[in-house]
C-alpha atoms as a PDB file:
ATOM      1  CA  UNK A   1     112.346  90.248  92.730  1.00  0.00           C
ATOM      2  CA  UNK A   2     110.193  90.900  95.824  1.00  0.00           C
ATOM      3  CA  UNK A   3     107.474  88.334  96.436  1.00  0.00           C
ATOM      4  CA  UNK A   4     104.652  90.856  96.121  1.00  0.00           C
ATOM      5  CA  UNK A   5     105.817  91.936  92.661  1.00  0.00           C
ATOM      6  CA  UNK A   6     106.240  88.307  91.624  1.00  0.00           C
ATOM      7  CA  UNK A   7     102.708  87.523  92.820  1.00  0.00           C
ATOM      8  CA  UNK A   8     101.407  90.535  90.897  1.00  0.00           C
ATOM      9  CA  UNK A   9     103.317  89.399  87.804  1.00  0.00           C
ATOM     10  CA  UNK A  10     101.826  85.906  88.098  1.00  0.00           C
ATOM     11  CA  UNK A  11      98.325  87.398  88.224  1.00  0.00           C
ATOM     12  CA  UNK A  12      98.834  89.929  85.402  1.00  0.00           C
ATOM     13  CA  UNK A  13      96.195  88.325  83.180  1.00  0.00           C
ATOM     14  CA  UNK A  14      93.637  88.477  85.991  1.00  0.00           C
ATOM     15  CA  UNK A  15      94.528  92.150  86.464  1.00  0.00           C
ATOM     16  CA  UNK A  16      93.274  92.831  82.937  1.00  0.00           C
ATOM     17  CA  UNK A  17      89.776  92.020  84.176  1.00  0.00           C
ATOM     18  CA  UNK A  18      90.097  95.072  86.435  1.00  0.00           C
ATOM     19  CA  UNK A  19      91.738  97.443  83.967  1.00  0.00           C
ATOM     20  CA  UNK A  20      89.599  96.624  80.917  1.00  0.00           C
ATOM     21  CA  UNK A  21      86.132  97.323  82.310  1.00  0.00           C
ATOM     22  CA  UNK A  22      87.426 100.331  84.244  1.00  0.00           C
ATOM     23  CA  UNK A  23      88.819 101.949  81.108  1.00  0.00           C
ATOM     24  CA  UNK A  24      85.614 101.122  79.222  1.00  0.00           C
ATOM     25  CA  UNK A  25      83.410 102.798  81.814  1.00  0.00           C
ATOM     26  CA  UNK A  26      85.642 105.875  81.871  1.00  0.00           C
ATOM     27  CA  UNK A  27      85.557 106.167  78.078  1.00  0.00           C
ATOM     28  CA  UNK A  28      81.778 105.759  77.924  1.00  0.00           C
ATOM     29  CA  UNK A  29      81.380 108.358  80.673  1.00  0.00           C
ATOM     30  CA  UNK A  30      83.619 110.813  78.832  1.00  0.00           C
ATOM     31  CA  UNK A  31      82.125 110.291  75.373  1.00  0.00           C
ATOM     32  CA  UNK A  32      78.430 109.758  76.048  1.00  0.00           C
ATOM     33  CA  UNK A  33      78.011 110.689  79.685  1.00  0.00           C
ATOM     34  CA  UNK A  34      76.636 108.445  82.408  1.00  0.00           C
ATOM     35  CA  UNK A  35      73.854 109.100  84.851  1.00  0.00           C
ATOM     36  CA  UNK A  36      74.962 109.603  88.441  1.00  0.00           C
ATOM     37  CA  UNK A  37      73.329 106.349  89.557  1.00  0.00           C
ATOM     38  CA  UNK A  38      75.169 104.378  86.880  1.00  0.00           C
ATOM     39  CA  UNK A  39      78.455 105.957  87.928  1.00  0.00           C
ATOM     40  CA  UNK A  40      77.840 104.874  91.519  1.00  0.00           C
ATOM     41  CA  UNK A  41      77.025 101.348  90.366  1.00  0.00           C
ATOM     42  CA  UNK A  42      80.214 101.238  88.275  1.00  0.00           C
ATOM     43  CA  UNK A  43      82.267 102.369  91.272  1.00  0.00           C
ATOM     44  CA  UNK A  44      80.622  99.696  93.431  1.00  0.00           C
ATOM     45  CA  UNK A  45      81.397  96.952  90.931  1.00  0.00           C
ATOM     46  CA  UNK A  46      84.971  98.237  90.633  1.00  0.00           C
ATOM     47  CA  UNK A  47      85.435  98.125  94.419  1.00  0.00           C
ATOM     48  CA  UNK A  48      84.025  94.586  94.519  1.00  0.00           C
ATOM     49  CA  UNK A  49      86.355  93.498  91.714  1.00  0.00           C
ATOM     50  CA  UNK A  50      89.390  95.026  93.424  1.00  0.00           C
ATOM     51  CA  UNK A  51      88.417  93.239  96.638  1.00  0.00           C
ATOM     52  CA  UNK A  52      88.187  89.892  94.861  1.00  0.00           C
ATOM     53  CA  UNK A  53      91.493  90.520  93.096  1.00  0.00           C
ATOM     54  CA  UNK A  54      93.172  91.341  96.404  1.00  0.00           C
ATOM     55  CA  UNK A  55      91.983  87.990  97.798  1.00  0.00           C
ATOM     56  CA  UNK A  56      93.410  86.252  94.731  1.00  0.00           C
ATOM     57  CA  UNK A  57      96.672  88.182  95.054  1.00  0.00           C
ATOM     58  CA  UNK A  58      97.059  87.413  98.749  1.00  0.00           C
ATOM     59  CA  UNK A  59      96.603  83.704  98.008  1.00  0.00           C
ATOM     60  CA  UNK A  60      99.275  83.859  95.331  1.00  0.00           C
ATOM     61  CA  UNK A  61     101.592  85.702  97.735  1.00  0.00           C
ATOM     62  CA  UNK A  62     100.992  83.076 100.418  1.00  0.00           C
ATOM     63  CA  UNK A  63     101.830  80.269  97.975  1.00  0.00           C
ATOM     64  CA  UNK A  64     105.038  81.989  96.869  1.00  0.00           C
ATOM     65  CA  UNK A  65     106.080  82.634 100.465  1.00  0.00           C
ATOM     66  CA  UNK A  66     105.410  78.983 101.330  1.00  0.00           C
ATOM     67  CA  UNK A  67     107.544  77.780  98.409  1.00  0.00           C
ATOM     68  CA  UNK A  68     110.329  80.171  99.364  1.00  0.00           C
ATOM     69  CA  UNK A  69     110.477  78.936 102.958  1.00  0.00           C
ATOM     70  CA  UNK A  70     110.543  75.282 101.833  1.00  0.00           C
ATOM     71  CA  UNK A  71     113.813  75.823  99.947  1.00  0.00           C
END
């Protein structure tokens, strides 16, 4: 398995913190409607969350690569 996919698999629980709120905001927007300002705020929070997750994922990838080179 490629290291990136293994790192993503190791962080699958953390990925739920991205998917869950994103799906919730989309459902609320479709059912009840959201004001334009709230949509922009939701997109901003989503971008921030994806950025933080990418930092977490790159750290996991670095650890896996380090362990692979030690063997």
